[in-house]
C-alpha atoms as a PDB file:
ATOM      1  CA  SER A   1     -29.861  23.445  11.067  1.00  0.00           C
ATOM      2  CA  ILE A   2     -27.747  21.520   8.586  1.00  0.00           C
ATOM      3  CA  SER A   3     -26.118  24.700   7.219  1.00  0.00           C
ATOM      4  CA  GLN A   4     -25.225  25.886  10.708  1.00  0.00           C
ATOM      5  CA  SER A   5     -23.742  22.485  11.587  1.00  0.00           C
ATOM      6  CA  SER A   6     -21.780  22.563   8.357  1.00  0.00           C
ATOM      7  CA  ARG A   7     -20.356  26.006   9.177  1.00  0.00           C
ATOM      8  CA  THR A   8     -19.464  24.853  12.682  1.00  0.00           C
ATOM      9  CA  MET A   9     -17.656  21.788  11.349  1.00  0.00           C
ATOM     10  CA  SER A  10     -15.883  23.925   8.765  1.00  0.00           C
ATOM     11  CA  GLY A  11     -14.739  26.262  11.530  1.00  0.00           C
ATOM     12  CA  ILE A  12     -13.406  23.362  13.590  1.00  0.00           C
ATOM     13  CA  ILE A  13     -11.516  21.981  10.613  1.00  0.00           C
ATOM     14  CA  THR A  14     -10.074  25.410   9.779  1.00  0.00           C
ATOM     15  CA  SER A  15      -8.944  25.922  13.376  1.00  0.00           C
ATOM     16  CA  ALA A  16      -7.293  22.506  13.433  1.00  0.00           C
ATOM     17  CA  LEU A  17      -5.525  23.159  10.129  1.00  0.00           C
ATOM     18  CA  ASN A  18      -4.204  26.461  11.459  1.00  0.00           C
ATOM     19  CA  LEU A  19      -2.334  24.508  14.127  1.00  0.00           C
ATOM     20  CA  LEU A  20      -0.326  22.625  11.503  1.00  0.00           C
ATOM     21  CA  PRO A  21       3.277  23.695  10.883  1.00  0.00           C
ATOM     22  CA  LYS A  22       3.803  26.218   8.090  1.00  0.00           C
ATOM     23  CA  PHE A  23       6.594  26.230   5.490  1.00  0.00           C
ATOM     24  CA  SER A  24       7.348  28.726   2.755  1.00  0.00           C
ATOM     25  CA  ASN A  25       7.187  25.989   0.104  1.00  0.00           C
ATOM     26  CA  PRO A  26       3.450  25.309  -0.419  1.00  0.00           C
ATOM     27  CA  ALA A  27       4.024  21.690  -1.438  1.00  0.00           C
ATOM     28  CA  ILE A  28       6.148  20.911   1.623  1.00  0.00           C
ATOM     29  CA  ASN A  29       3.620  22.843   3.703  1.00  0.00           C
ATOM     30  CA  ASN A  30       1.017  20.182   2.889  1.00  0.00           C
ATOM     31  CA  LEU A  31       3.243  17.145   2.407  1.00  0.00           C
ATOM     32  CA  ILE A  32       4.687  17.129   5.944  1.00  0.00           C
ATOM     33  CA  PRO A  33       1.291  16.880   7.709  1.00  0.00           C
ATOM     34  CA  LEU A  34       0.187  14.198   5.248  1.00  0.00           C
ATOM     35  CA  LEU A  35       3.233  12.074   6.062  1.00  0.00           C
ATOM     36  CA  GLY A  36       2.266  12.359   9.726  1.00  0.00           C
ATOM     37  CA  LEU A  37      -1.394  11.479   9.148  1.00  0.00           C
ATOM     38  CA  PRO A  38      -0.812   7.672   8.921  1.00  0.00           C
ATOM     39  CA  TYR A  39       0.685   7.728  12.422  1.00  0.00           C
ATOM     40  CA  LEU A  40      -2.377   9.529  13.790  1.00  0.00           C
ATOM     41  CA  ILE A  41      -4.799   7.100  12.123  1.00  0.00           C
ATOM     42  CA  GLN A  42      -2.813   4.050  13.187  1.00  0.00           C
ATOM     43  CA  ALA A  43      -2.679   5.331  16.756  1.00  0.00           C
ATOM     44  CA  GLY A  44      -6.469   5.490  16.651  1.00  0.00           C
ATOM     45  CA  ALA A  45      -6.618   1.914  15.379  1.00  0.00           C
ATOM     46  CA  ALA A  46      -4.027   0.694  17.889  1.00  0.00           C
ATOM     47  CA  ILE A  47      -5.835   1.862  21.044  1.00  0.00           C
ATOM     48  CA  PRO A  48      -8.936  -0.387  20.790  1.00  0.00           C
ATOM     49  CA  SER A  49      -6.882  -3.242  19.310  1.00  0.00           C
ATOM     50  CA  ILE A  50      -4.533  -3.172  22.315  1.00  0.00           C
ATOM     51  CA  LEU A  51      -7.370  -2.789  24.821  1.00  0.00           C
ATOM     52  CA  PHE A  52      -9.312  -5.749  23.400  1.00  0.00           C
ATOM     53  CA  GLN A  53      -6.219  -7.739  22.370  1.00  0.00           C
ATOM     54  CA  THR A  54      -7.520  -8.216  18.842  1.00  0.00           C
ATOM     55  CA  ASP A  55      -5.683  -8.149  15.517  1.00  0.00           C
ATOM     56  CA  ILE A  56      -8.745  -8.705  13.306  1.00  0.00           C
ATOM     57  CA  TYR A  57      -8.678  -5.132  12.024  1.00  0.00           C
ATOM     58  CA  TYR A  58      -4.903  -4.686  11.749  1.00  0.00           C
ATOM     59  CA  ASP A  59      -4.541  -5.168   7.987  1.00  0.00           C
ATOM     60  CA  LEU A  60      -7.876  -3.498   7.259  1.00  0.00           C
ATOM     61  CA  SER A  61      -6.787  -0.428   9.218  1.00  0.00           C
ATOM     62  CA  GLY A  62      -3.652  -0.276   7.085  1.00  0.00           C
ATOM     63  CA  SER A  63      -5.698  -0.171   3.893  1.00  0.00           C
ATOM     64  CA  LEU A  64      -8.083   2.427   5.302  1.00  0.00           C
ATOM     65  CA  THR A  65      -5.052   4.534   6.270  1.00  0.00           C
ATOM     66  CA  PHE A  66      -3.797   4.418   2.681  1.00  0.00           C
ATOM     67  CA  LEU A  67      -7.221   5.476   1.381  1.00  0.00           C
ATOM     68  CA  ALA A  68      -7.752   8.251   3.944  1.00  0.00           C
ATOM     69  CA  THR A  69      -4.277   9.709   3.444  1.00  0.00           C
ATOM     70  CA  ALA A  70      -4.613   9.624  -0.347  1.00  0.00           C
ATOM     71  CA  ALA A  71      -8.016  11.337  -0.190  1.00  0.00           C
ATOM     72  CA  ALA A  72      -6.667  13.969   2.208  1.00  0.00           C
ATOM     73  CA  SER A  73      -3.786  14.715  -0.162  1.00  0.00           C
ATOM     74  CA  LEU A  74      -6.208  15.719  -2.918  1.00  0.00           C
ATOM     75  CA  TYR A  75      -8.064  18.249  -0.786  1.00  0.00           C
ATOM     76  CA  LEU A  76      -5.686  19.441   1.945  1.00  0.00           C
ATOM     77  CA  PRO A  77      -4.102  22.185  -0.225  1.00  0.00           C
ATOM     78  CA  ALA A  78      -7.526  23.757  -0.822  1.00  0.00           C
ATOM     79  CA  LEU A  79      -8.542  23.379   2.814  1.00  0.00           C
ATOM     80  CA  ARG A  80      -5.373  25.072   4.059  1.00  0.00           C
ATOM     81  CA  ALA A  81      -5.640  27.834   1.464  1.00  0.00           C
ATOM     82  CA  GLY A  82      -9.278  28.450   2.364  1.00  0.00           C
ATOM     83  CA  THR A  83     -10.407  27.987  -1.248  1.00  0.00           C
ATOM     84  CA  PRO A  84     -13.383  25.906  -2.457  1.00  0.00           C
ATOM     85  CA  LEU A  85     -12.717  22.184  -2.666  1.00  0.00           C
ATOM     86  CA  PRO A  86     -12.013  21.085  -6.249  1.00  0.00           C
ATOM     87  CA  SER A  87     -14.405  18.688  -7.932  1.00  0.00           C
ATOM     88  CA  LEU A  88     -12.879  15.269  -8.464  1.00  0.00           C
ATOM     89  CA  PHE A  89     -12.672  15.534 -12.224  1.00  0.00           C
ATOM     90  CA  SER A  90     -11.172  19.020 -12.149  1.00  0.00           C
ATOM     91  CA  LEU A  91      -8.019  17.449 -10.705  1.00  0.00           C
ATOM     92  CA  HIS A  92      -5.067  16.628 -12.950  1.00  0.00           C
ATOM     93  CA  PRO A  93      -5.480  13.186 -14.580  1.00  0.00           C
ATOM     94  CA  ARG A  94      -2.043  12.092 -13.331  1.00  0.00           C
ATOM     95  CA  LYS A  95      -3.184  12.684  -9.757  1.00  0.00           C
ATOM     96  CA  LEU A  96      -6.392  10.742 -10.335  1.00  0.00           C
ATOM     97  CA  ILE A  97      -4.675   7.831 -12.074  1.00  0.00           C
ATOM     98  CA  LEU A  98      -1.929   7.426  -9.466  1.00  0.00           C
ATOM     99  CA  THR A  99      -4.354   7.788  -6.555  1.00  0.00           C
ATOM    100  CA  GLY A 100      -6.700   5.309  -8.251  1.00  0.00           C
ATOM    101  CA  MET A 101      -3.864   2.825  -8.767  1.00  0.00           C
ATOM    102  CA  MET A 102      -2.920   2.919  -5.107  1.00  0.00           C
ATOM    103  CA  GLY A 103      -6.545   2.935  -4.008  1.00  0.00           C
ATOM    104  CA  PHE A 104      -7.441  -0.152  -6.041  1.00  0.00           C
ATOM    105  CA  TRP A 105      -4.372  -2.029  -4.820  1.00  0.00           C
ATOM    106  CA  THR A 106      -4.900  -1.215  -1.152  1.00  0.00           C
ATOM    107  CA  ALA A 107      -8.675  -1.814  -1.183  1.00  0.00           C
ATOM    108  CA  ARG A 108      -8.160  -5.223  -2.741  1.00  0.00           C
ATOM    109  CA  LEU A 109      -5.340  -6.100  -0.336  1.00  0.00           C
ATOM    110  CA  GLY A 110      -7.245  -4.919   2.740  1.00  0.00           C
ATOM    111  CA  TYR A 111     -10.402  -6.813   1.809  1.00  0.00           C
ATOM    112  CA  THR A 112      -8.470 -10.015   1.089  1.00  0.00           C
ATOM    113  CA  LEU A 113      -6.468  -9.910   4.314  1.00  0.00           C
ATOM    114  CA  TYR A 114      -9.513  -8.941   6.411  1.00  0.00           C
ATOM    115  CA  LYS A 115     -11.498 -11.895   5.042  1.00  0.00           C
ATOM    116  CA  ARG A 116      -8.578 -14.187   5.794  1.00  0.00           C
ATOM    117  CA  ALA A 117      -8.256 -12.861   9.355  1.00  0.00           C
ATOM    118  CA  VAL A 118     -11.979 -13.251  10.047  1.00  0.00           C
ATOM    119  CA  LYS A 119     -12.017 -16.788   8.648  1.00  0.00           C
ATOM    120  CA  ALA A 120      -8.957 -17.796  10.680  1.00  0.00           C
ATOM    121  CA  GLY A 121     -10.087 -15.960  13.804  1.00  0.00           C
ATOM    122  CA  GLY A 122      -7.050 -13.696  13.724  1.00  0.00           C
ATOM    123  CA  ASP A 123      -3.495 -13.501  12.464  1.00  0.00           C
ATOM    124  CA  SER A 124      -1.022 -15.989  13.904  1.00  0.00           C
ATOM    125  CA  ARG A 125       1.754 -13.362  13.635  1.00  0.00           C
ATOM    126  CA  PHE A 126       0.161 -11.554  16.566  1.00  0.00           C
ATOM    127  CA  ASP A 127      -0.795 -14.476  18.812  1.00  0.00           C
ATOM    128  CA  GLU A 128       1.812 -13.519  21.404  1.00  0.00           C
ATOM    129  CA  MET A 129       2.436  -9.919  20.426  1.00  0.00           C
ATOM    130  CA  LYS A 130      -1.134  -8.732  21.056  1.00  0.00           C
ATOM    131  CA  LYS A 131      -0.714  -9.696  24.715  1.00  0.00           C
ATOM    132  CA  GLN A 132       2.218  -7.268  24.980  1.00  0.00           C
ATOM    133  CA  PRO A 133       0.899  -3.684  24.569  1.00  0.00           C
ATOM    134  CA  VAL A 134       4.225  -2.031  23.750  1.00  0.00           C
ATOM    135  CA  LYS A 135       5.177  -4.568  21.069  1.00  0.00           C
ATOM    136  CA  PHE A 136       1.665  -4.554  19.624  1.00  0.00           C
ATOM    137  CA  ALA A 137       1.728  -0.747  19.474  1.00  0.00           C
ATOM    138  CA  GLY A 138       5.044  -1.068  17.654  1.00  0.00           C
ATOM    139  CA  ALA A 139       3.344  -3.128  14.948  1.00  0.00           C
ATOM    140  CA  PHE A 140       0.925  -0.251  14.279  1.00  0.00           C
ATOM    141  CA  PHE A 141       3.847   2.197  14.206  1.00  0.00           C
ATOM    142  CA  VAL A 142       5.580   0.008  11.610  1.00  0.00           C
ATOM    143  CA  GLN A 143       2.384  -0.131   9.561  1.00  0.00           C
ATOM    144  CA  ALA A 144       2.102   3.666   9.684  1.00  0.00           C
ATOM    145  CA  THR A 145       5.696   3.931   8.426  1.00  0.00           C
ATOM    146  CA  TRP A 146       4.891   1.461   5.656  1.00  0.00           C
ATOM    147  CA  VAL A 147       1.939   3.618   4.535  1.00  0.00           C
ATOM    148  CA  ALA A 148       3.936   6.859   4.705  1.00  0.00           C
ATOM    149  CA  VAL A 149       6.881   5.497   2.684  1.00  0.00           C
ATOM    150  CA  MET A 150       4.783   3.712   0.071  1.00  0.00           C
ATOM    151  CA  ALA A 151       2.355   6.591  -0.453  1.00  0.00           C
ATOM    152  CA  ALA A 152       4.957   9.396  -0.328  1.00  0.00           C
ATOM    153  CA  PRO A 153       5.507   9.777  -4.120  1.00  0.00           C
ATOM    154  CA  ILE A 154       1.765  10.055  -4.755  1.00  0.00           C
ATOM    155  CA  LEU A 155       1.223  12.415  -1.832  1.00  0.00           C
ATOM    156  CA  ALA A 156       4.110  14.605  -3.024  1.00  0.00           C
ATOM    157  CA  LEU A 157       2.511  14.872  -6.460  1.00  0.00           C
ATOM    158  CA  ASN A 158      -1.028  15.444  -5.176  1.00  0.00           C
ATOM    159  CA  VAL A 159      -0.086  18.526  -3.140  1.00  0.00           C
ATOM    160  CA  VAL A 160       1.384  20.310  -6.177  1.00  0.00           C
ATOM    161  CA  PRO A 161      -1.001  22.715  -7.973  1.00  0.00           C
ATOM    162  CA  CYS A 162      -2.567  21.068 -11.010  1.00  0.00           C
ATOM    163  CA  ALA A 163      -1.439  23.930 -13.246  1.00  0.00           C
ATOM    164  CA  ALA A 164       2.200  23.054 -12.522  1.00  0.00           C
ATOM    165  CA  LEU A 165       1.871  19.505 -13.836  1.00  0.00           C
ATOM    166  CA  GLY A 166       2.553  18.739 -17.474  1.00  0.00           C
ATOM    167  CA  ALA A 167       0.279  16.763 -19.755  1.00  0.00           C
ATOM    168  CA  LEU A 168       0.244  12.974 -19.674  1.00  0.00           C
ATOM    169  CA  ASN A 169       2.934  11.477 -21.894  1.00  0.00           C
ATOM    170  CA  TRP A 170       4.536   8.188 -22.922  1.00  0.00           C
ATOM    171  CA  ILE A 171       6.310   7.806 -19.555  1.00  0.00           C
ATOM    172  CA  ASP A 172       2.923   7.892 -17.825  1.00  0.00           C
ATOM    173  CA  ALA A 173       1.671   5.279 -20.277  1.00  0.00           C
ATOM    174  CA  LEU A 174       4.724   3.100 -19.585  1.00  0.00           C
ATOM    175  CA  GLY A 175       4.239   3.365 -15.826  1.00  0.00           C
ATOM    176  CA  ALA A 176       0.535   2.586 -16.116  1.00  0.00           C
ATOM    177  CA  ALA A 177       1.240  -0.418 -18.344  1.00  0.00           C
ATOM    178  CA  ILE A 178       3.790  -1.790 -15.856  1.00  0.00           C
ATOM    179  CA  TRP A 179       1.301  -1.270 -13.022  1.00  0.00           C
ATOM    180  CA  LEU A 180      -1.392  -3.108 -14.978  1.00  0.00           C
ATOM    181  CA  GLY A 181       0.987  -5.972 -15.656  1.00  0.00           C
ATOM    182  CA  GLY A 182       1.966  -6.167 -11.991  1.00  0.00           C
ATOM    183  CA  ILE A 183      -1.529  -5.986 -10.520  1.00  0.00           C
ATOM    184  CA  GLY A 184      -2.784  -8.449 -13.130  1.00  0.00           C
ATOM    185  CA  PHE A 185       0.033 -10.884 -12.324  1.00  0.00           C
ATOM    186  CA  GLU A 186      -0.690 -10.604  -8.605  1.00  0.00           C
ATOM    187  CA  MET A 187      -4.433 -11.107  -9.052  1.00  0.00           C
ATOM    188  CA  VAL A 188      -3.996 -14.150 -11.293  1.00  0.00           C
ATOM    189  CA  ALA A 189      -1.554 -15.691  -8.796  1.00  0.00           C
ATOM    190  CA  ASP A 190      -3.905 -15.047  -5.875  1.00  0.00           C
ATOM    191  CA  ASN A 191      -6.892 -16.441  -7.791  1.00  0.00           C
ATOM    192  CA  GLN A 192      -4.954 -19.554  -8.792  1.00  0.00           C
ATOM    193  CA  LYS A 193      -4.002 -20.201  -5.177  1.00  0.00           C
ATOM    194  CA  ALA A 194      -7.576 -19.586  -3.972  1.00  0.00           C
ATOM    195  CA  GLN A 195      -8.870 -22.059  -6.579  1.00  0.00           C
ATOM    196  CA  TRP A 196      -6.217 -24.588  -5.553  1.00  0.00           C
ATOM    197  CA  LYS A 197      -7.268 -24.291  -1.896  1.00  0.00           C
ATOM    198  CA  LYS A 198     -10.947 -24.604  -2.838  1.00  0.00           C
ATOM    199  CA  GLU A 199     -10.271 -27.781  -4.815  1.00  0.00           C
ATOM    200  CA  LYS A 200      -8.210 -29.172  -1.942  1.00  0.00           C
ATOM    201  CA  ASP A 201     -11.077 -28.515   0.496  1.00  0.00           C
ATOM    202  CA  GLU A 202     -13.391 -30.308  -1.951  1.00  0.00           C
ATOM    203  CA  LYS A 203     -10.883 -33.199  -2.053  1.00  0.00           C
ATOM    204  CA  LYS A 204     -10.409 -32.833  -5.815  1.00  0.00           C
ATOM    205  CA  HIS A 205      -6.662 -33.185  -5.284  1.00  0.00           C
ATOM    206  CA  HIS A 206      -4.292 -34.191  -2.498  1.00  0.00           C
ATOM    207  CA  GLU A 207      -1.399 -31.822  -3.218  1.00  0.00           C
ATOM    208  CA  ASP A 208       0.247 -30.384  -0.106  1.00  0.00           C
ATOM    209  CA  PHE A 209       1.625 -27.279  -1.812  1.00  0.00           C
ATOM    210  CA  ILE A 210       0.710 -25.445  -4.997  1.00  0.00           C
ATOM    211  CA  GLN A 211       2.915 -25.868  -8.053  1.00  0.00           C
ATOM    212  CA  ARG A 212       0.578 -25.071 -10.911  1.00  0.00           C
ATOM    213  CA  GLY A 213      -0.037 -22.005 -13.086  1.00  0.00           C
ATOM    214  CA  LEU A 214       2.138 -19.042 -12.159  1.00  0.00           C
ATOM    215  CA  TRP A 215       3.224 -20.963  -9.049  1.00  0.00           C
ATOM    216  CA  ALA A 216       5.099 -23.305 -11.389  1.00  0.00           C
ATOM    217  CA  LYS A 217       7.044 -20.285 -12.667  1.00  0.00           C
ATOM    218  CA  SER A 218       7.795 -18.657  -9.307  1.00  0.00           C
ATOM    219  CA  ARG A 219       7.447 -19.746  -5.687  1.00  0.00           C
ATOM    220  CA  HIS A 220       6.019 -16.317  -4.839  1.00  0.00           C
ATOM    221  CA  PRO A 221       4.407 -14.888  -8.007  1.00  0.00           C
ATOM    222  CA  ASN A 222       2.015 -12.684  -6.018  1.00  0.00           C
ATOM    223  CA  TYR A 223       4.951 -10.864  -4.432  1.00  0.00           C
ATOM    224  CA  PHE A 224       6.615 -10.485  -7.813  1.00  0.00           C
ATOM    225  CA  GLY A 225       3.456  -8.819  -9.133  1.00  0.00           C
ATOM    226  CA  GLU A 226       3.338  -6.470  -6.148  1.00  0.00           C
ATOM    227  CA  ILE A 227       6.936  -5.348  -6.634  1.00  0.00           C
ATOM    228  CA  VAL A 228       6.298  -4.758 -10.342  1.00  0.00           C
ATOM    229  CA  LEU A 229       3.162  -2.666  -9.789  1.00  0.00           C
ATOM    230  CA  TRP A 230       4.956  -0.369  -7.346  1.00  0.00           C
ATOM    231  CA  ASN A 231       7.711   0.162  -9.909  1.00  0.00           C
ATOM    232  CA  GLY A 232       4.995   1.238 -12.350  1.00  0.00           C
ATOM    233  CA  ILE A 233       3.738   3.800  -9.845  1.00  0.00           C
ATOM    234  CA  ALA A 234       7.274   5.028  -9.204  1.00  0.00           C
ATOM    235  CA  ILE A 235       7.981   5.495 -12.925  1.00  0.00           C
ATOM    236  CA  MET A 236       4.800   7.500 -13.379  1.00  0.00           C
ATOM    237  CA  ALA A 237       5.418   9.708 -10.335  1.00  0.00           C
ATOM    238  CA  SER A 238       9.182  10.065 -10.759  1.00  0.00           C
ATOM    239  CA  HIS A 239       9.380  11.929 -14.042  1.00  0.00           C
ATOM    240  CA  SER A 240       6.771  14.409 -12.864  1.00  0.00           C
ATOM    241  CA  LEU A 241       8.400  15.057  -9.475  1.00  0.00           C
ATOM    242  CA  ALA A 242      11.763  15.590 -11.198  1.00  0.00           C
ATOM    243  CA  SER A 243      10.340  18.395 -13.353  1.00  0.00           C
ATOM    244  CA  LEU A 244       8.880  20.622 -10.619  1.00  0.00           C
ATOM    245  CA  PRO A 245      11.798  22.934  -9.669  1.00  0.00           C
ATOM    246  CA  ALA A 246       9.460  25.447  -7.998  1.00  0.00           C
ATOM    247  CA  PHE A 247       8.506  22.796  -5.440  1.00  0.00           C
ATOM    248  CA  TYR A 248      11.119  20.026  -5.302  1.00  0.00           C
ATOM    249  CA  PRO A 249      14.810  19.536  -6.178  1.00  0.00           C
ATOM    250  CA  SER A 250      15.483  17.594  -9.370  1.00  0.00           C
ATOM    251  CA  TRP A 251      16.592  14.517  -7.390  1.00  0.00           C
ATOM    252  CA  ALA A 252      13.120  14.237  -5.834  1.00  0.00           C
ATOM    253  CA  GLY A 253      12.153  12.065  -8.773  1.00  0.00           C
ATOM    254  CA  ALA A 254      14.647   9.418  -7.697  1.00  0.00           C
ATOM    255  CA  LEU A 255      13.042   9.304  -4.252  1.00  0.00           C
ATOM    256  CA  ALA A 256       9.863   7.932  -5.862  1.00  0.00           C
ATOM    257  CA  PHE A 257      11.718   4.631  -6.168  1.00  0.00           C
ATOM    258  CA  ALA A 258      12.008   4.424  -2.378  1.00  0.00           C
ATOM    259  CA  SER A 259       8.531   2.857  -2.447  1.00  0.00           C
ATOM    260  CA  PRO A 260       9.346  -0.164  -4.644  1.00  0.00           C
ATOM    261  CA  ALA A 261      12.725  -0.482  -2.900  1.00  0.00           C
ATOM    262  CA  PHE A 262      10.980  -0.556   0.490  1.00  0.00           C
ATOM    263  CA  ILE A 263       8.371  -3.137  -0.551  1.00  0.00           C
ATOM    264  CA  THR A 264      11.091  -5.283  -2.159  1.00  0.00           C
ATOM    265  CA  LEU A 265      13.133  -5.193   1.056  1.00  0.00           C
ATOM    266  CA  LEU A 266      10.045  -5.962   3.142  1.00  0.00           C
ATOM    267  CA  LEU A 267       8.898  -8.894   1.022  1.00  0.00           C
ATOM    268  CA  THR A 268      12.287 -10.475   0.353  1.00  0.00           C
ATOM    269  CA  LYS A 269      14.065  -9.920   3.673  1.00  0.00           C
ATOM    270  CA  VAL A 270      11.505  -9.302   6.422  1.00  0.00           C
ATOM    271  CA  SER A 271       7.875 -10.367   6.454  1.00  0.00           C
ATOM    272  CA  GLY A 272       7.002 -12.036   3.172  1.00  0.00           C
ATOM    273  CA  ILE A 273       9.216 -14.614   1.522  1.00  0.00           C
ATOM    274  CA  PRO A 274      11.457 -15.481   4.517  1.00  0.00           C
ATOM    275  CA  ILE A 275       8.485 -16.339   6.752  1.00  0.00           C
ATOM    276  CA  GLN A 276       6.720 -18.413   4.100  1.00  0.00           C
ATOM    277  CA  GLU A 277       9.875 -20.199   2.990  1.00  0.00           C
ATOM    278  CA  LYS A 278      10.710 -21.081   6.603  1.00  0.00           C
ATOM    279  CA  ALA A 279       7.189 -22.405   7.197  1.00  0.00           C
ATOM    280  CA  ASN A 280       7.245 -24.484   4.005  1.00  0.00           C
ATOM    281  CA  ASP A 281      10.707 -25.862   4.758  1.00  0.00           C
ATOM    282  CA  LYS A 282       9.489 -26.900   8.196  1.00  0.00           C
ATOM    283  CA  LYS A 283       6.445 -28.674   6.726  1.00  0.00           C
ATOM    284  CA  PHE A 284       7.864 -30.213   3.576  1.00  0.00           C
ATOM    285  CA  GLY A 285      11.671 -30.053   3.847  1.00  0.00           C
ATOM    286  CA  GLY A 286      13.344 -33.305   2.855  1.00  0.00           C
ATOM    287  CA  ARG A 287      10.483 -34.477   0.652  1.00  0.00           C
ATOM    288  CA  LYS A 288      11.606 -35.290  -2.853  1.00  0.00           C
ATOM    289  CA  ASP A 289       8.745 -33.469  -4.608  1.00  0.00           C
ATOM    290  CA  TYR A 290       9.224 -30.331  -2.536  1.00  0.00           C
ATOM    291  CA  GLU A 291      13.010 -30.271  -2.938  1.00  0.00           C
ATOM    292  CA  GLU A 292      12.570 -30.712  -6.703  1.00  0.00           C
ATOM    293  CA  TYR A 293      10.076 -27.855  -6.762  1.00  0.00           C
ATOM    294  CA  LYS A 294      12.504 -25.600  -4.890  1.00  0.00           C
ATOM    295  CA  LYS A 295      15.382 -26.626  -7.134  1.00  0.00           C
ATOM    296  CA  ASN A 296      13.480 -25.988 -10.391  1.00  0.00           C
ATOM    297  CA  THR A 297      11.363 -22.962  -9.445  1.00  0.00           C
ATOM    298  CA  PRO A 298      12.843 -19.494  -8.805  1.00  0.00           C
ATOM    299  CA  VAL A 299      11.978 -17.953  -5.474  1.00  0.00           C
ATOM    300  CA  LEU A 300      10.686 -14.672  -6.949  1.00  0.00           C
ATOM    301  CA  ILE A 301      11.417 -13.708 -10.562  1.00  0.00           C
ATOM    302  CA  PRO A 302       9.440 -16.122 -12.778  1.00  0.00           C
ATOM    303  CA  LYS A 303      11.238 -18.411 -15.173  1.00  0.00           C
ATOM    304  CA  LEU A 304      10.305 -18.248 -18.825  1.00  0.00           C
END
């Protein structure tokens, strides 16, 4: 019967949870397994990807890992304590807002990158790497680390009992406003570039690189928006984490800014801007219009 199957599944889950490490601090008790969960999920995504030498689902698996880990963080404390699962709207609004912010961002990013990969037949970053199992597995390990670091402030907040969290205040409003500004900036930039590409395909213009709209203010306005939105999340999580002495030291709030620092480092020094700038320089370097665009347009922070 359905009820018997449900009890069996519940027993399996309980047994599995009992195998997790136990700490005296209830927040740490749940946070540590959650930080390990992205590695488990990414390992599951890596195995078929390596076997079939495909990267189609790489970015999508990253987004699904964000979503699964965030969802787990809302319910793991109850599961481990053996108490009934809380209804969604019985959770603290700060938890719901922060989880929703990250969920919206990652769902949008995953969908966009998955569509791009399907249309292109894959991701050129992995053309050679996917033929080398160890290196390809390393890419999934890096993605798991990315998820764990970026999600950590939200996970740390979600495992704290709702009763310990204070009411929403002006700092939450500030963080939410910064997030809205960042995600809005990123979406407008992405939409402008998509429209530019569409018009180019329809031969409505013959421009080789975009330099209109927000792309006239910054060479990478989408990345600027992404960095801003993660600072909004950090502001909202930080002040709350810093005021939970029963669970975290006061400096835990500062650690919330590891997420925007990490994404800034990644986009400006590793995989974002450097790769795109190098590709554009190779295609258009030496052309007067391109050199003028580079000279007059900041690489990241938009000009007024």
